[in-house]
Protein backbone atom coordinates (compact mmCIF):
# COMPACT_ATOMS: atom_id res chain seq x y z
CA MET A 1 76.17 -51.53 49.78
CA LYS A 2 75.33 -51.69 52.89
CA GLU A 3 73.99 -48.31 54.13
CA GLU A 4 76.91 -47.67 57.36
CA THR A 5 74.76 -46.50 60.18
CA GLN A 6 74.58 -42.95 61.78
CA ILE A 7 75.30 -41.39 65.01
CA GLU A 8 72.81 -38.80 65.46
CA HIS A 9 71.67 -35.70 67.62
CA LYS A 10 69.68 -32.90 67.44
CA GLY A 11 71.44 -28.76 67.79
CA PHE A 12 70.78 -25.30 67.83
CA VAL A 13 73.32 -23.21 65.96
CA LYS A 14 75.06 -20.87 67.62
CA SER A 15 77.08 -18.96 65.92
CA ILE A 16 78.20 -19.41 62.34
CA GLU A 17 82.08 -18.35 61.22
CA ASP A 18 82.62 -17.80 58.39
CA GLU A 19 82.79 -21.16 56.97
CA VAL A 20 82.12 -22.75 60.32
CA ILE A 21 78.59 -23.97 62.81
CA TYR A 22 79.20 -24.39 65.98
CA VAL A 23 75.99 -25.63 67.86
CA GLY A 24 75.32 -26.47 70.30
CA ILE A 25 74.49 -30.38 71.61
CA VAL A 26 71.90 -30.72 73.95
CA SER A 27 72.01 -34.68 76.12
CA ASP A 28 69.16 -35.68 76.87
CA SER A 29 67.52 -39.34 77.47
CA ALA A 30 67.61 -40.07 73.31
CA CYS A 31 70.80 -40.48 74.61
CA GLY A 32 69.72 -43.78 76.75
CA SER A 33 69.32 -45.75 73.00
CA CYS A 34 72.72 -45.21 71.99
CA GLN A 35 74.71 -48.13 71.37
CA VAL A 36 77.60 -45.76 72.35
CA LYS A 37 76.87 -43.53 75.02
CA GLY A 38 79.21 -45.29 77.11
CA GLY A 39 81.76 -43.96 75.22
CA CYS A 40 80.65 -40.74 74.35
CA SER A 41 80.77 -37.81 76.61
CA LEU A 42 77.99 -35.63 74.99
CA SER A 43 75.80 -37.95 77.27
CA GLU A 44 77.51 -37.22 80.12
CA ALA A 45 77.40 -33.21 80.44
CA GLY A 46 74.59 -31.08 80.38
CA GLU A 47 75.51 -29.24 76.63
CA LYS A 48 78.60 -29.30 74.55
CA ILE A 49 79.50 -27.40 71.11
CA ILE A 50 80.51 -28.32 67.88
CA ASP A 51 81.93 -27.01 64.88
CA ILE A 52 81.14 -28.41 61.71
CA LYS A 53 83.10 -26.81 58.69
CA VAL A 54 80.54 -26.88 55.80
CA ALA A 55 80.53 -25.71 52.11
CA ASN A 56 78.15 -22.76 52.59
CA PRO A 57 77.03 -21.18 55.75
CA THR A 58 74.40 -19.34 54.94
CA GLU A 59 71.92 -22.38 54.45
CA TYR A 60 71.71 -21.93 58.04
CA TYR A 61 70.36 -18.85 60.70
CA VAL A 62 70.75 -18.85 64.50
CA GLY A 63 68.77 -20.16 66.73
CA GLU A 64 68.03 -22.91 63.89
CA GLU A 65 67.27 -26.99 64.83
CA VAL A 66 69.66 -29.31 63.11
CA GLU A 67 70.13 -33.11 63.01
CA VAL A 68 74.67 -32.86 63.88
CA PHE A 69 76.44 -36.75 62.95
CA PHE A 70 79.06 -38.73 62.26
CA ARG A 71 79.46 -42.55 60.61
CA GLN A 72 79.23 -44.77 63.86
CA SER A 73 81.54 -46.24 63.13
CA LEU A 74 83.47 -43.69 63.75
CA GLY A 75 81.90 -43.80 67.39
CA PHE A 76 84.19 -46.53 68.23
CA ARG A 77 87.80 -45.86 66.45
CA ALA A 78 87.06 -42.83 68.87
CA LEU A 79 86.53 -45.02 71.58
CA PHE A 80 89.79 -47.47 70.29
CA LEU A 81 91.58 -44.35 71.13
CA ALA A 82 90.70 -42.61 74.40
CA TYR A 83 90.05 -45.62 75.88
CA VAL A 84 91.30 -49.30 75.56
CA LEU A 85 94.79 -48.54 73.45
CA PRO A 86 95.40 -46.66 76.64
CA PHE A 87 93.90 -49.06 78.58
CA PHE A 88 96.54 -51.98 76.38
CA ILE A 89 99.22 -49.68 76.79
CA VAL A 90 98.97 -48.84 81.45
CA ILE A 91 98.59 -53.35 81.70
CA VAL A 92 101.16 -54.30 78.33
CA GLY A 93 103.41 -51.59 80.19
CA LEU A 94 103.10 -53.47 83.56
CA ILE A 95 102.40 -56.71 83.12
CA PHE A 96 106.85 -56.29 81.32
CA LEU A 97 107.70 -53.55 84.01
CA PHE A 98 106.62 -56.26 86.64
CA ALA A 99 108.12 -59.05 85.28
CA LEU A 100 111.50 -57.02 85.12
CA THR A 101 111.38 -55.82 88.16
CA ASP A 102 108.83 -57.63 90.77
CA ASN A 103 108.29 -54.22 92.67
CA GLU A 104 104.28 -53.27 92.42
CA LEU A 105 104.60 -50.19 93.16
CA ILE A 106 107.67 -48.74 90.64
CA SER A 107 105.86 -51.24 87.89
CA GLY A 108 102.36 -48.43 88.35
CA LEU A 109 103.99 -45.97 88.74
CA VAL A 110 105.64 -45.48 85.74
CA SER A 111 103.47 -48.19 83.81
CA LEU A 112 100.72 -44.95 83.61
CA SER A 113 103.57 -42.11 82.76
CA PHE A 114 104.01 -44.66 79.32
CA LEU A 115 100.33 -42.45 78.39
CA ILE A 116 102.67 -39.24 79.11
CA PRO A 117 104.01 -40.10 75.19
CA TYR A 118 100.45 -41.77 73.95
CA TYR A 119 98.58 -39.00 74.99
CA PHE A 120 101.14 -36.50 73.29
CA ILE A 121 101.60 -37.49 70.34
CA LEU A 122 97.29 -38.42 70.11
CA TYR A 123 97.67 -33.94 71.05
CA ASN A 124 99.53 -33.26 68.27
CA SER A 125 97.79 -35.24 66.38
CA ARG A 126 94.70 -34.11 66.84
CA LYS A 127 94.59 -31.68 63.47
CA LYS A 128 94.90 -34.80 61.71
CA ILE A 129 92.03 -37.14 63.87
CA LYS A 130 89.44 -33.52 63.31
CA LYS A 131 90.03 -33.59 60.06
CA THR A 132 89.32 -38.10 60.64
CA PHE A 133 86.63 -37.27 62.67
CA SER A 134 84.61 -34.77 61.01
CA PHE A 135 80.29 -34.54 61.55
CA HIS A 136 78.46 -33.24 59.61
CA ILE A 137 75.08 -31.17 60.12
CA ARG A 138 71.80 -31.18 58.25
CA LYS A 139 68.28 -29.40 58.83
CA VAL A 140 65.46 -31.03 60.38
CA MET A 141 62.20 -31.92 58.71
CA PHE A 142 59.67 -31.18 60.71
């Protein structure tokens, strides 16, 4: 069976609470070679804090350098949910409404308003999405 590729970022443990480790990810030149850098919010900002649920948080300590990773297919799924699907909702709505109303302004505004229920549903599904898009952590070996 072919091993699935992973998206990896190095970071430092910021804090540990119960079974959750908070890791700070700093964007660097390594993002330049990443295949999904165009849609990854990690490559856009200086530092992101990622919370990672682990079974044994005592294996890690604050300040330790670690690697945070997740499956590449999840990166593409995230791109689909964040960019591709909303784009298609707006385009299909725009085409359909323009055919009905023959008014560009109304068609454009109403098709953009279709994103309100989409993002509301996405927001209400955040717990399920968080389980799907779980990050994993491993120690950096020198």
